[in-house]
């Protein structure tokens, strides 16, 4: 089983093969829809870093920020 991160082209080539298009494991339920838009502003340098890190994780900026906030909230509960 391959565990290293693939480039977008490698992913495309991998999933272009019919044998790699079968679902694996149990289905996952999607989370409930998000509730409301909350505008947040960042300094340019911070936003550049967020974009860079989101790109490294192959996530949208919004998704990356949500994950960071969820991580902080979880740490607060357990820490």
PDB file of N, CA and C in Angstrom:
ATOM      1  N   UNK A   1       0.846  -1.191   0.000  1.00  0.00           N
ATOM      2  CA  UNK A   1       0.000   0.000   0.000  1.00  0.00           C
ATOM      3  C   UNK A   1       0.881   1.240   0.000  1.00  0.00           C
ATOM      4  N   UNK A   2       0.597   2.176  -0.875  1.00  0.00           N
ATOM      5  CA  UNK A   2       1.384   3.394  -1.009  1.00  0.00           C
ATOM      6  C   UNK A   2       0.943   4.402   0.047  1.00  0.00           C
ATOM      7  N   UNK A   3       1.897   4.954   0.809  1.00  0.00           N
ATOM      8  CA  UNK A   3       1.537   5.897   1.861  1.00  0.00           C
ATOM      9  C   UNK A   3       2.146   7.274   1.647  1.00  0.00           C
ATOM     10  N   UNK A   4       3.088   7.424   0.702  1.00  0.00           N
ATOM     11  CA  UNK A   4       3.677   8.734   0.475  1.00  0.00           C
ATOM     12  C   UNK A   4       2.719   9.612  -0.311  1.00  0.00           C
ATOM     13  N   UNK A   5       2.853  10.925  -0.144  1.00  0.00           N
ATOM     14  CA  UNK A   5       1.950  11.856  -0.794  1.00  0.00           C
ATOM     15  C   UNK A   5       2.203  11.883  -2.297  1.00  0.00           C
ATOM     16  N   UNK A   6       1.117  11.823  -3.070  1.00  0.00           N
ATOM     17  CA  UNK A   6       1.220  11.842  -4.530  1.00  0.00           C
ATOM     18  C   UNK A   6       1.008  13.267  -5.034  1.00  0.00           C
ATOM     19  N   UNK A   7       1.611  13.571  -6.175  1.00  0.00           N
ATOM     20  CA  UNK A   7       1.342  14.848  -6.834  1.00  0.00           C
ATOM     21  C   UNK A   7      -0.052  14.762  -7.455  1.00  0.00           C
ATOM     22  N   UNK A   8      -0.574  15.880  -7.873  1.00  0.00           N
ATOM     23  CA  UNK A   8      -1.903  15.871  -8.503  1.00  0.00           C
ATOM     24  C   UNK A   8      -1.892  15.021  -9.771  1.00  0.00           C
ATOM     25  N   UNK A   9      -0.796  15.078 -10.520  1.00  0.00           N
ATOM     26  CA  UNK A   9      -0.712  14.262 -11.735  1.00  0.00           C
ATOM     27  C   UNK A   9      -0.678  12.778 -11.384  1.00  0.00           C
ATOM     28  N   UNK A  10       0.064  12.412 -10.344  1.00  0.00           N
ATOM     29  CA  UNK A  10       0.111  11.013  -9.917  1.00  0.00           C
ATOM     30  C   UNK A  10      -1.268  10.548  -9.457  1.00  0.00           C
ATOM     31  N   UNK A  11      -1.991  11.401  -8.711  1.00  0.00           N
ATOM     32  CA  UNK A  11      -3.344  11.054  -8.284  1.00  0.00           C
ATOM     33  C   UNK A  11      -4.237  10.834  -9.502  1.00  0.00           C
ATOM     34  N   UNK A  12      -4.148  11.740 -10.475  1.00  0.00           N
ATOM     35  CA  UNK A  12      -4.965  11.621 -11.679  1.00  0.00           C
ATOM     36  C   UNK A  12      -4.680  10.301 -12.385  1.00  0.00           C
ATOM     37  N   UNK A  13      -3.399  10.004 -12.559  1.00  0.00           N
ATOM     38  CA  UNK A  13      -3.016   8.761 -13.235  1.00  0.00           C
ATOM     39  C   UNK A  13      -3.492   7.528 -12.458  1.00  0.00           C
ATOM     40  N   UNK A  14      -3.367   7.575 -11.135  1.00  0.00           N
ATOM     41  CA  UNK A  14      -3.769   6.452 -10.288  1.00  0.00           C
ATOM     42  C   UNK A  14      -5.267   6.193 -10.407  1.00  0.00           C
ATOM     43  N   UNK A  15      -6.077   7.257 -10.239  1.00  0.00           N
ATOM     44  CA  UNK A  15      -7.529   7.084 -10.247  1.00  0.00           C
ATOM     45  C   UNK A  15      -8.107   6.958 -11.654  1.00  0.00           C
ATOM     46  N   UNK A  16      -7.299   7.180 -12.676  1.00  0.00           N
ATOM     47  CA  UNK A  16      -7.752   6.955 -14.049  1.00  0.00           C
ATOM     48  C   UNK A  16      -7.865   5.458 -14.336  1.00  0.00           C
ATOM     49  N   UNK A  17      -7.233   4.639 -13.524  1.00  0.00           N
ATOM     50  CA  UNK A  17      -7.280   3.186 -13.706  1.00  0.00           C
ATOM     51  C   UNK A  17      -8.540   2.635 -13.029  1.00  0.00           C
ATOM     52  N   UNK A  18      -9.356   1.895 -13.772  1.00  0.00           N
ATOM     53  CA  UNK A  18     -10.639   1.401 -13.229  1.00  0.00           C
ATOM     54  C   UNK A  18     -10.498   0.616 -11.925  1.00  0.00           C
ATOM     55  N   UNK A  19      -9.418  -0.150 -11.764  1.00  0.00           N
ATOM     56  CA  UNK A  19      -9.268  -0.935 -10.533  1.00  0.00           C
ATOM     57  C   UNK A  19      -9.049  -0.058  -9.298  1.00  0.00           C
ATOM     58  N   UNK A  20      -8.727   1.221  -9.485  1.00  0.00           N
ATOM     59  CA  UNK A  20      -8.521   2.137  -8.360  1.00  0.00           C
ATOM     60  C   UNK A  20      -9.728   3.035  -8.119  1.00  0.00           C
ATOM     61  N   UNK A  21     -10.859   2.706  -8.741  1.00  0.00           N
ATOM     62  CA  UNK A  21     -12.053   3.532  -8.604  1.00  0.00           C
ATOM     63  C   UNK A  21     -13.124   2.884  -7.722  1.00  0.00           C
ATOM     64  N   UNK A  22     -12.811   1.739  -7.125  1.00  0.00           N
ATOM     65  CA  UNK A  22     -13.767   1.064  -6.249  1.00  0.00           C
ATOM     66  C   UNK A  22     -13.681   1.649  -4.843  1.00  0.00           C
ATOM     67  N   UNK A  23     -14.817   1.970  -4.211  1.00  0.00           N
ATOM     68  CA  UNK A  23     -14.788   2.484  -2.838  1.00  0.00           C
ATOM     69  C   UNK A  23     -14.135   1.475  -1.889  1.00  0.00           C
ATOM     70  N   UNK A  24     -13.417   1.977  -0.926  1.00  0.00           N
ATOM     71  CA  UNK A  24     -12.737   1.140   0.056  1.00  0.00           C
ATOM     72  C   UNK A  24     -13.322   1.417   1.439  1.00  0.00           C
ATOM     73  N   UNK A  25     -13.623   0.372   2.177  1.00  0.00           N
ATOM     74  CA  UNK A  25     -14.088   0.526   3.552  1.00  0.00           C
ATOM     75  C   UNK A  25     -15.532   0.983   3.651  1.00  0.00           C
ATOM     76  N   UNK A  26     -15.925   1.259   4.884  1.00  0.00           N
ATOM     77  CA  UNK A  26     -17.299   1.681   5.167  1.00  0.00           C
ATOM     78  C   UNK A  26     -17.509   3.122   4.694  1.00  0.00           C
ATOM     79  N   UNK A  27     -18.739   3.467   4.307  1.00  0.00           N
ATOM     80  CA  UNK A  27     -19.005   4.845   3.892  1.00  0.00           C
ATOM     81  C   UNK A  27     -18.849   5.798   5.068  1.00  0.00           C
ATOM     82  N   UNK A  28     -18.418   7.011   4.762  1.00  0.00           N
ATOM     83  CA  UNK A  28     -18.280   8.027   5.808  1.00  0.00           C
ATOM     84  C   UNK A  28     -19.400   9.043   5.673  1.00  0.00           C
ATOM     85  N   UNK A  29     -19.967   9.399   6.779  1.00  0.00           N
ATOM     86  CA  UNK A  29     -21.019  10.407   6.788  1.00  0.00           C
ATOM     87  C   UNK A  29     -20.386  11.785   6.720  1.00  0.00           C
ATOM     88  N   UNK A  30     -20.988  12.643   5.925  1.00  0.00           N
ATOM     89  CA  UNK A  30     -20.510  14.019   5.871  1.00  0.00           C
ATOM     90  C   UNK A  30     -20.976  14.762   7.106  1.00  0.00           C
ATOM     91  N   UNK A  31     -20.186  15.739   7.476  1.00  0.00           N
ATOM     92  CA  UNK A  31     -20.570  16.569   8.613  1.00  0.00           C
ATOM     93  C   UNK A  31     -21.764  17.432   8.226  1.00  0.00           C
ATOM     94  N   UNK A  32     -22.508  17.885   9.214  1.00  0.00           N
ATOM     95  CA  UNK A  32     -23.634  18.771   8.894  1.00  0.00           C
ATOM     96  C   UNK A  32     -23.122  20.028   8.181  1.00  0.00           C
ATOM     97  N   UNK A  33     -23.994  20.646   7.434  1.00  0.00           N
ATOM     98  CA  UNK A  33     -23.633  21.868   6.711  1.00  0.00           C
ATOM     99  C   UNK A  33     -23.147  22.926   7.688  1.00  0.00           C
ATOM    100  N   UNK A  34     -22.255  23.769   7.201  1.00  0.00           N
ATOM    101  CA  UNK A  34     -21.753  24.868   8.021  1.00  0.00           C
ATOM    102  C   UNK A  34     -22.875  25.872   8.238  1.00  0.00           C
ATOM    103  N   UNK A  35     -22.815  26.589   9.352  1.00  0.00           N
ATOM    104  CA  UNK A  35     -23.944  27.419   9.735  1.00  0.00           C
ATOM    105  C   UNK A  35     -23.899  28.845   9.218  1.00  0.00           C
ATOM    106  N   UNK A  36     -22.779  29.534   9.385  1.00  0.00           N
ATOM    107  CA  UNK A  36     -22.795  30.931   8.975  1.00  0.00           C
ATOM    108  C   UNK A  36     -21.400  31.388   8.581  1.00  0.00           C
ATOM    109  N   UNK A  37     -21.359  32.385   7.744  1.00  0.00           N
ATOM    110  CA  UNK A  37     -20.111  32.968   7.274  1.00  0.00           C
ATOM    111  C   UNK A  37     -19.583  33.935   8.326  1.00  0.00           C
ATOM    112  N   UNK A  38     -18.303  33.800   8.685  1.00  0.00           N
ATOM    113  CA  UNK A  38     -17.683  34.693   9.658  1.00  0.00           C
ATOM    114  C   UNK A  38     -16.463  35.331   8.993  1.00  0.00           C
ATOM    115  N   UNK A  39     -16.555  36.615   8.649  1.00  0.00           N
ATOM    116  CA  UNK A  39     -15.419  37.258   8.000  1.00  0.00           C
ATOM    117  C   UNK A  39     -14.254  37.434   8.984  1.00  0.00           C
ATOM    118  N   UNK A  40     -13.082  37.052   8.563  1.00  0.00           N
ATOM    119  CA  UNK A  40     -11.883  37.181   9.390  1.00  0.00           C
ATOM    120  C   UNK A  40     -10.810  37.826   8.533  1.00  0.00           C
ATOM    121  N   UNK A  41     -10.077  38.769   9.095  1.00  0.00           N
ATOM    122  CA  UNK A  41      -9.018  39.450   8.348  1.00  0.00           C
ATOM    123  C   UNK A  41      -7.671  39.091   8.964  1.00  0.00           C
ATOM    124  N   UNK A  42      -6.664  38.925   8.095  1.00  0.00           N
ATOM    125  CA  UNK A  42      -5.313  38.594   8.520  1.00  0.00           C
ATOM    126  C   UNK A  42      -4.332  39.575   7.886  1.00  0.00           C
ATOM    127  N   UNK A  43      -3.208  39.821   8.556  1.00  0.00           N
ATOM    128  CA  UNK A  43      -2.144  40.584   7.891  1.00  0.00           C
ATOM    129  C   UNK A  43      -1.676  39.804   6.654  1.00  0.00           C
ATOM    130  N   UNK A  44      -1.168  40.518   5.666  1.00  0.00           N
ATOM    131  CA  UNK A  44      -0.758  39.899   4.396  1.00  0.00           C
ATOM    132  C   UNK A  44       0.229  38.762   4.605  1.00  0.00           C
ATOM    133  N   UNK A  45       1.202  38.941   5.503  1.00  0.00           N
ATOM    134  CA  UNK A  45       2.213  37.898   5.731  1.00  0.00           C
ATOM    135  C   UNK A  45       1.571  36.632   6.298  1.00  0.00           C
ATOM    136  N   UNK A  46       0.619  36.811   7.215  1.00  0.00           N
ATOM    137  CA  UNK A  46      -0.064  35.662   7.810  1.00  0.00           C
ATOM    138  C   UNK A  46      -0.891  34.936   6.759  1.00  0.00           C
ATOM    139  N   UNK A  47      -1.598  35.683   5.946  1.00  0.00           N
ATOM    140  CA  UNK A  47      -2.417  35.070   4.909  1.00  0.00           C
ATOM    141  C   UNK A  47      -1.555  34.326   3.887  1.00  0.00           C
ATOM    142  N   UNK A  48      -0.404  34.887   3.557  1.00  0.00           N
ATOM    143  CA  UNK A  48       0.511  34.193   2.648  1.00  0.00           C
ATOM    144  C   UNK A  48       0.939  32.850   3.237  1.00  0.00           C
ATOM    145  N   UNK A  49       1.252  32.842   4.527  1.00  0.00           N
ATOM    146  CA  UNK A  49       1.672  31.599   5.186  1.00  0.00           C
ATOM    147  C   UNK A  49       0.523  30.593   5.261  1.00  0.00           C
ATOM    148  N   UNK A  50      -0.691  31.083   5.546  1.00  0.00           N
ATOM    149  CA  UNK A  50      -1.866  30.200   5.576  1.00  0.00           C
ATOM    150  C   UNK A  50      -2.074  29.581   4.202  1.00  0.00           C
ATOM    151  N   UNK A  51      -1.990  30.380   3.158  1.00  0.00           N
ATOM    152  CA  UNK A  51      -2.160  29.861   1.790  1.00  0.00           C
ATOM    153  C   UNK A  51      -1.098  28.819   1.468  1.00  0.00           C
ATOM    154  N   UNK A  52       0.145  29.078   1.872  1.00  0.00           N
ATOM    155  CA  UNK A  52       1.230  28.134   1.608  1.00  0.00           C
ATOM    156  C   UNK A  52       0.958  26.799   2.302  1.00  0.00           C
ATOM    157  N   UNK A  53       0.608  26.878   3.591  1.00  0.00           N
ATOM    158  CA  UNK A  53       0.359  25.648   4.354  1.00  0.00           C
ATOM    159  C   UNK A  53      -0.876  24.913   3.857  1.00  0.00           C
ATOM    160  N   UNK A  54      -1.924  25.640   3.504  1.00  0.00           N
ATOM    161  CA  UNK A  54      -3.127  25.008   2.959  1.00  0.00           C
ATOM    162  C   UNK A  54      -2.784  24.293   1.659  1.00  0.00           C
ATOM    163  N   UNK A  55      -1.966  24.920   0.827  1.00  0.00           N
ATOM    164  CA  UNK A  55      -1.547  24.286  -0.420  1.00  0.00           C
ATOM    165  C   UNK A  55      -0.753  23.025  -0.180  1.00  0.00           C
ATOM    166  N   UNK A  56       0.137  23.050   0.818  1.00  0.00           N
ATOM    167  CA  UNK A  56       0.923  21.857   1.159  1.00  0.00           C
ATOM    168  C   UNK A  56       0.018  20.712   1.597  1.00  0.00           C
ATOM    169  N   UNK A  57      -1.086  21.046   2.272  1.00  0.00           N
ATOM    170  CA  UNK A  57      -2.036  20.034   2.744  1.00  0.00           C
ATOM    171  C   UNK A  57      -3.100  19.719   1.700  1.00  0.00           C
ATOM    172  N   UNK A  58      -3.018  20.373   0.536  1.00  0.00           N
ATOM    173  CA  UNK A  58      -4.007  20.208  -0.530  1.00  0.00           C
ATOM    174  C   UNK A  58      -5.415  20.480  -0.011  1.00  0.00           C
ATOM    175  N   UNK A  59      -5.544  21.585   0.729  1.00  0.00           N
ATOM    176  CA  UNK A  59      -6.818  22.018   1.298  1.00  0.00           C
ATOM    177  C   UNK A  59      -7.112  23.438   0.838  1.00  0.00           C
ATOM    178  N   UNK A  60      -8.365  23.823   0.956  1.00  0.00           N
ATOM    179  CA  UNK A  60      -8.708  25.228   0.723  1.00  0.00           C
ATOM    180  C   UNK A  60      -8.261  26.022   1.947  1.00  0.00           C
ATOM    181  N   UNK A  61      -8.130  27.325   1.769  1.00  0.00           N
ATOM    182  CA  UNK A  61      -7.764  28.192   2.902  1.00  0.00           C
ATOM    183  C   UNK A  61      -8.820  28.073   3.998  1.00  0.00           C
ATOM    184  N   UNK A  62     -10.099  28.094   3.619  1.00  0.00           N
ATOM    185  CA  UNK A  62     -11.180  27.989   4.614  1.00  0.00           C
ATOM    186  C   UNK A  62     -11.101  26.678   5.388  1.00  0.00           C
ATOM    187  N   UNK A  63     -10.887  25.591   4.679  1.00  0.00           N
ATOM    188  CA  UNK A  63     -10.794  24.287   5.328  1.00  0.00           C
ATOM    189  C   UNK A  63      -9.593  24.242   6.269  1.00  0.00           C
ATOM    190  N   UNK A  64      -8.478  24.801   5.854  1.00  0.00           N
ATOM    191  CA  UNK A  64      -7.274  24.798   6.681  1.00  0.00           C
ATOM    192  C   UNK A  64      -7.516  25.595   7.964  1.00  0.00           C
ATOM    193  N   UNK A  65      -8.147  26.765   7.831  1.00  0.00           N
ATOM    194  CA  UNK A  65      -8.428  27.603   9.008  1.00  0.00           C
ATOM    195  C   UNK A  65      -9.410  26.896   9.946  1.00  0.00           C
ATOM    196  N   UNK A  66     -10.471  26.277   9.388  1.00  0.00           N
ATOM    197  CA  UNK A  66     -11.421  25.542  10.239  1.00  0.00           C
ATOM    198  C   UNK A  66     -10.709  24.447  11.016  1.00  0.00           C
ATOM    199  N   UNK A  67      -9.822  23.704  10.340  1.00  0.00           N
ATOM    200  CA  UNK A  67      -9.094  22.627  11.022  1.00  0.00           C
ATOM    201  C   UNK A  67      -8.203  23.186  12.129  1.00  0.00           C
ATOM    202  N   UNK A  68      -7.555  24.322  11.875  1.00  0.00           N
ATOM    203  CA  UNK A  68      -6.696  24.935  12.886  1.00  0.00           C
ATOM    204  C   UNK A  68      -7.517  25.363  14.107  1.00  0.00           C
ATOM    205  N   UNK A  69      -8.677  25.940  13.885  1.00  0.00           N
ATOM    206  CA  UNK A  69      -9.545  26.364  14.992  1.00  0.00           C
ATOM    207  C   UNK A  69     -10.042  25.147  15.765  1.00  0.00           C
ATOM    208  N   UNK A  70     -10.479  24.104  15.045  1.00  0.00           N
ATOM    209  CA  UNK A  70     -10.944  22.886  15.719  1.00  0.00           C
ATOM    210  C   UNK A  70      -9.823  22.271  16.553  1.00  0.00           C
ATOM    211  N   UNK A  71      -8.604  22.298  16.038  1.00  0.00           N
ATOM    212  CA  UNK A  71      -7.457  21.771  16.779  1.00  0.00           C
ATOM    213  C   UNK A  71      -7.250  22.562  18.073  1.00  0.00           C
ATOM    214  N   UNK A  72      -7.312  23.876  17.989  1.00  0.00           N
ATOM    215  CA  UNK A  72      -7.143  24.718  19.181  1.00  0.00           C
ATOM    216  C   UNK A  72      -8.237  24.459  20.211  1.00  0.00           C
ATOM    217  N   UNK A  73      -9.464  24.323  19.751  1.00  0.00           N
ATOM    218  CA  UNK A  73     -10.570  24.060  20.681  1.00  0.00           C
ATOM    219  C   UNK A  73     -10.412  22.709  21.357  1.00  0.00           C
ATOM    220  N   UNK A  74      -9.956  21.721  20.611  1.00  0.00           N
ATOM    221  CA  UNK A  74      -9.736  20.381  21.176  1.00  0.00           C
ATOM    222  C   UNK A  74      -8.601  20.419  22.191  1.00  0.00           C
ATOM    223  N   UNK A  75      -7.525  21.124  21.872  1.00  0.00           N
ATOM    224  CA  UNK A  75      -6.383  21.248  22.795  1.00  0.00           C
ATOM    225  C   UNK A  75      -6.819  21.908  24.101  1.00  0.00           C
ATOM    226  N   UNK A  76      -7.666  22.908  23.989  1.00  0.00           N
ATOM    227  CA  UNK A  76      -8.150  23.623  25.169  1.00  0.00           C
ATOM    228  C   UNK A  76      -8.932  22.688  26.092  1.00  0.00           C
ATOM    229  N   UNK A  77      -9.731  21.798  25.496  1.00  0.00           N
ATOM    230  CA  UNK A  77     -10.521  20.853  26.288  1.00  0.00           C
ATOM    231  C   UNK A  77      -9.644  19.813  26.978  1.00  0.00           C
ATOM    232  N   UNK A  78      -8.602  19.340  26.272  1.00  0.00           N
ATOM    233  CA  UNK A  78      -7.772  18.264  26.805  1.00  0.00           C
ATOM    234  C   UNK A  78      -6.562  18.788  27.567  1.00  0.00           C
ATOM    235  N   UNK A  79      -6.187  20.013  27.312  1.00  0.00           N
ATOM    236  CA  UNK A  79      -4.956  20.556  27.895  1.00  0.00           C
ATOM    237  C   UNK A  79      -5.185  21.135  29.219  1.00  0.00           C
TER     238      UNK A  79
END
